[in-house]
Amino acid sequence: MSERARPLRRRDLDPDPLRQFDRWYDEAGRVVDFPEAVALATASPSGQPSARMVLAKRVDERGFRFHTGYSSRKAGELEATGSGALLFYWHPLGRQVRIEGRVERVFDDESEEYFRTRPRDGQIAAWASAQSEVIGSREELEARVAELERDFEGRDVPLPPHWGGYRLTPEVYEF
């Protein structure tokens, strides 16, 4: 029986939703290139929905952590409403997990910890990218990246003050 053909039965689910999520996440990691890719849904204070893909870089008993620019639309909506929803979808397994909850910024040391694991070009991209802002051209962005590469040459790239993590603390899981 293929993974997709397995029925979902309540008796097969762990009563602890985080342990169940971890089980499915581990299985997805064996067949999906980026099991941490997740759709993040937010809403404006007036209720206008928005969704985009982020990477859930840490999942533990405190919640699901992802990172972004603090001036992005998603960050503004998270700050305004304090809530969001995540949707993991692992097609080869025919599984998805939806999670709703409260969202808050993580401490700077947690953002720094993750930032240090990013490749150098990803660190520079966090400085160069003004998420949710229109840029004049690709050349403009490439020039900004080149400028930052010169500025940070020979030293560690510092954590940008306009970039960091959020944690969604689950209130609802749906498997």
Protein backbone atom coordinates (compact mmCIF):
# COMPACT_ATOMS: atom_id res chain seq x y z
CA MET A 1 0.00 0.00 0.00
CA SER A 2 1.45 3.37 -0.99
CA GLU A 3 1.86 6.17 1.55
CA ARG A 4 -0.97 8.08 -0.15
CA ALA A 5 -3.32 5.08 0.06
CA ARG A 6 -3.08 4.78 3.84
CA PRO A 7 -6.33 5.88 5.46
CA LEU A 8 -6.25 8.31 8.37
CA ARG A 9 -7.77 6.73 11.45
CA ARG A 10 -8.13 8.40 14.83
CA ARG A 11 -6.72 5.31 16.59
CA ASP A 12 -3.49 5.72 14.63
CA LEU A 13 -2.99 9.33 15.77
CA ASP A 14 -0.93 10.29 18.79
CA PRO A 15 -3.10 12.12 21.33
CA ASP A 16 -0.34 14.76 21.59
CA PRO A 17 -0.64 16.87 18.40
CA LEU A 18 3.00 17.97 18.52
CA ARG A 19 4.21 14.36 18.67
CA GLN A 20 1.86 13.52 15.79
CA PHE A 21 3.18 16.47 13.80
CA ASP A 22 6.78 15.38 14.50
CA ARG A 23 5.97 11.87 13.27
CA TRP A 24 4.51 13.13 9.99
CA TYR A 25 7.27 15.71 9.59
CA ASP A 26 9.93 13.00 9.94
CA GLU A 27 8.13 10.87 7.34
CA ALA A 28 7.84 13.87 5.01
CA GLY A 29 11.56 14.55 5.42
CA ARG A 30 12.27 11.20 3.77
CA VAL A 31 10.23 11.96 0.62
CA VAL A 32 9.93 15.76 0.31
CA ASP A 33 12.79 18.13 -0.52
CA PHE A 34 11.65 20.87 1.86
CA PRO A 35 9.30 19.48 4.50
CA GLU A 36 9.71 22.76 6.43
CA ALA A 37 8.07 24.78 3.61
CA VAL A 38 4.76 26.03 4.94
CA ALA A 39 2.06 28.42 3.81
CA LEU A 40 1.60 31.22 6.34
CA ALA A 41 -1.82 32.88 6.33
CA THR A 42 -2.39 36.25 7.95
CA ALA A 43 -5.12 38.85 7.80
CA SER A 44 -5.16 42.61 7.92
CA PRO A 45 -7.01 44.29 10.81
CA SER A 46 -9.96 44.71 8.40
CA GLY A 47 -9.95 40.98 7.66
CA GLN A 48 -8.29 40.96 4.22
CA PRO A 49 -6.53 37.56 3.99
CA SER A 50 -3.03 37.00 2.65
CA ALA A 51 -0.86 33.90 2.31
CA ARG A 52 2.75 33.21 1.37
CA MET A 53 5.38 30.51 1.81
CA VAL A 54 7.89 30.60 4.67
CA LEU A 55 10.22 28.03 6.20
CA ALA A 56 9.40 26.70 9.67
CA LYS A 57 12.97 26.48 10.92
CA ARG A 58 12.29 25.28 14.44
CA VAL A 59 9.36 23.35 15.83
CA ASP A 60 9.23 22.53 19.52
CA GLU A 61 6.90 22.60 22.52
CA ARG A 62 6.89 26.42 22.38
CA GLY A 63 5.62 26.55 18.81
CA PHE A 64 6.57 26.96 15.16
CA ARG A 65 9.30 29.51 14.39
CA PHE A 66 9.84 31.28 11.06
CA HIS A 67 11.74 34.42 10.03
CA THR A 68 11.05 37.46 7.89
CA GLY A 69 11.64 41.15 7.45
CA TYR A 70 9.85 43.16 10.12
CA SER A 71 8.70 45.72 7.53
CA SER A 72 7.01 43.11 5.32
CA ARG A 73 3.27 42.91 4.87
CA LYS A 74 3.14 39.61 6.73
CA ALA A 75 5.01 41.07 9.70
CA GLY A 76 2.69 44.07 9.79
CA GLU A 77 -0.36 41.82 9.80
CA LEU A 78 1.15 39.56 12.47
CA GLU A 79 1.95 42.57 14.65
CA ALA A 80 -1.53 44.05 14.16
CA THR A 81 -3.58 40.93 14.83
CA GLY A 82 -1.26 38.68 16.83
CA SER A 83 -2.50 35.60 15.03
CA GLY A 84 -1.81 33.45 12.00
CA ALA A 85 -2.27 30.03 10.46
CA LEU A 86 0.19 27.58 8.95
CA LEU A 87 -0.49 24.90 6.35
CA PHE A 88 2.04 22.14 5.71
CA TYR A 89 1.29 20.06 2.61
CA TRP A 90 3.29 16.94 1.77
CA HIS A 91 1.94 15.74 -1.58
CA PRO A 92 3.82 12.40 -1.80
CA LEU A 93 2.23 11.37 1.49
CA GLY A 94 -1.20 12.83 0.73
CA ARG A 95 -1.03 14.66 4.06
CA GLN A 96 -1.49 18.16 5.31
CA VAL A 97 -1.43 19.75 8.73
CA ARG A 98 -3.16 23.03 9.47
CA ILE A 99 -2.23 24.96 12.60
CA GLU A 100 -3.80 28.15 13.98
CA GLY A 101 -2.51 30.18 16.87
CA ARG A 102 -1.14 33.29 18.50
CA VAL A 103 2.00 34.80 16.98
CA GLU A 104 4.69 36.89 18.62
CA ARG A 105 8.24 37.95 17.87
CA VAL A 106 11.00 35.77 19.23
CA PHE A 107 13.86 37.24 21.26
CA ASP A 108 16.81 38.67 19.33
CA ASP A 109 19.10 35.87 20.54
CA GLU A 110 16.80 33.30 18.87
CA SER A 111 16.82 35.29 15.63
CA GLU A 112 20.61 35.59 15.87
CA GLU A 113 20.95 31.84 16.45
CA TYR A 114 19.06 31.05 13.25
CA PHE A 115 20.69 33.88 11.28
CA ARG A 116 24.12 32.34 11.97
CA THR A 117 23.00 29.07 10.31
CA ARG A 118 22.05 30.81 7.05
CA PRO A 119 24.53 30.78 4.18
CA ARG A 120 26.39 34.07 3.82
CA ASP A 121 24.42 34.99 0.67
CA GLY A 122 21.19 34.43 2.63
CA GLN A 123 22.46 36.71 5.38
CA ILE A 124 23.27 39.43 2.86
CA ALA A 125 19.89 38.91 1.18
CA ALA A 126 18.21 39.64 4.53
CA TRP A 127 19.95 43.04 4.50
CA ALA A 128 19.30 43.72 0.80
CA SER A 129 15.66 42.71 0.55
CA ALA A 130 12.95 45.16 1.49
CA GLN A 131 10.20 42.54 1.59
CA SER A 132 6.82 43.62 0.25
CA GLU A 133 8.39 46.72 -1.35
CA VAL A 134 8.51 47.27 -5.08
CA ILE A 135 12.05 47.54 -6.45
CA GLY A 136 13.02 49.53 -9.52
CA SER A 137 14.78 46.67 -11.24
CA ARG A 138 16.70 43.47 -10.73
CA GLU A 139 19.87 45.44 -11.46
CA GLU A 140 19.06 47.74 -8.52
CA LEU A 141 18.76 44.76 -6.19
CA GLU A 142 21.95 43.18 -7.54
CA ALA A 143 23.82 46.47 -7.03
CA ARG A 144 22.60 46.59 -3.42
CA VAL A 145 23.80 43.01 -2.86
CA ALA A 146 27.21 43.85 -4.35
CA GLU A 147 27.47 46.93 -2.12
CA LEU A 148 26.66 44.87 0.98
CA GLU A 149 29.17 42.17 -0.02
CA ARG A 150 31.85 44.89 -0.13
CA ASP A 151 30.67 46.40 3.18
CA PHE A 152 30.81 43.05 5.00
CA GLU A 153 33.92 41.70 3.27
CA GLY A 154 36.23 39.92 5.69
CA ARG A 155 33.82 39.96 8.63
CA ASP A 156 30.67 38.29 9.88
CA VAL A 157 27.39 39.65 8.58
CA PRO A 158 25.49 41.10 11.56
CA LEU A 159 21.83 40.38 12.23
CA PRO A 160 19.82 43.13 10.51
CA PRO A 161 17.73 45.19 12.93
CA HIS A 162 14.79 44.95 10.49
CA TRP A 163 14.77 41.13 10.31
CA GLY A 164 13.99 38.34 12.75
CA GLY A 165 11.77 35.55 13.91
CA TYR A 166 8.19 34.95 14.90
CA ARG A 167 6.72 32.03 16.79
CA LEU A 168 3.22 30.70 16.23
CA THR A 169 1.96 29.01 19.38
CA PRO A 170 -0.63 26.41 18.32
CA GLU A 171 -4.19 26.68 19.56
CA VAL A 172 -5.70 24.42 16.88
CA TYR A 173 -4.21 21.51 14.92
CA GLU A 174 -5.99 19.81 12.04
CA PHE A 175 -4.51 16.62 10.54
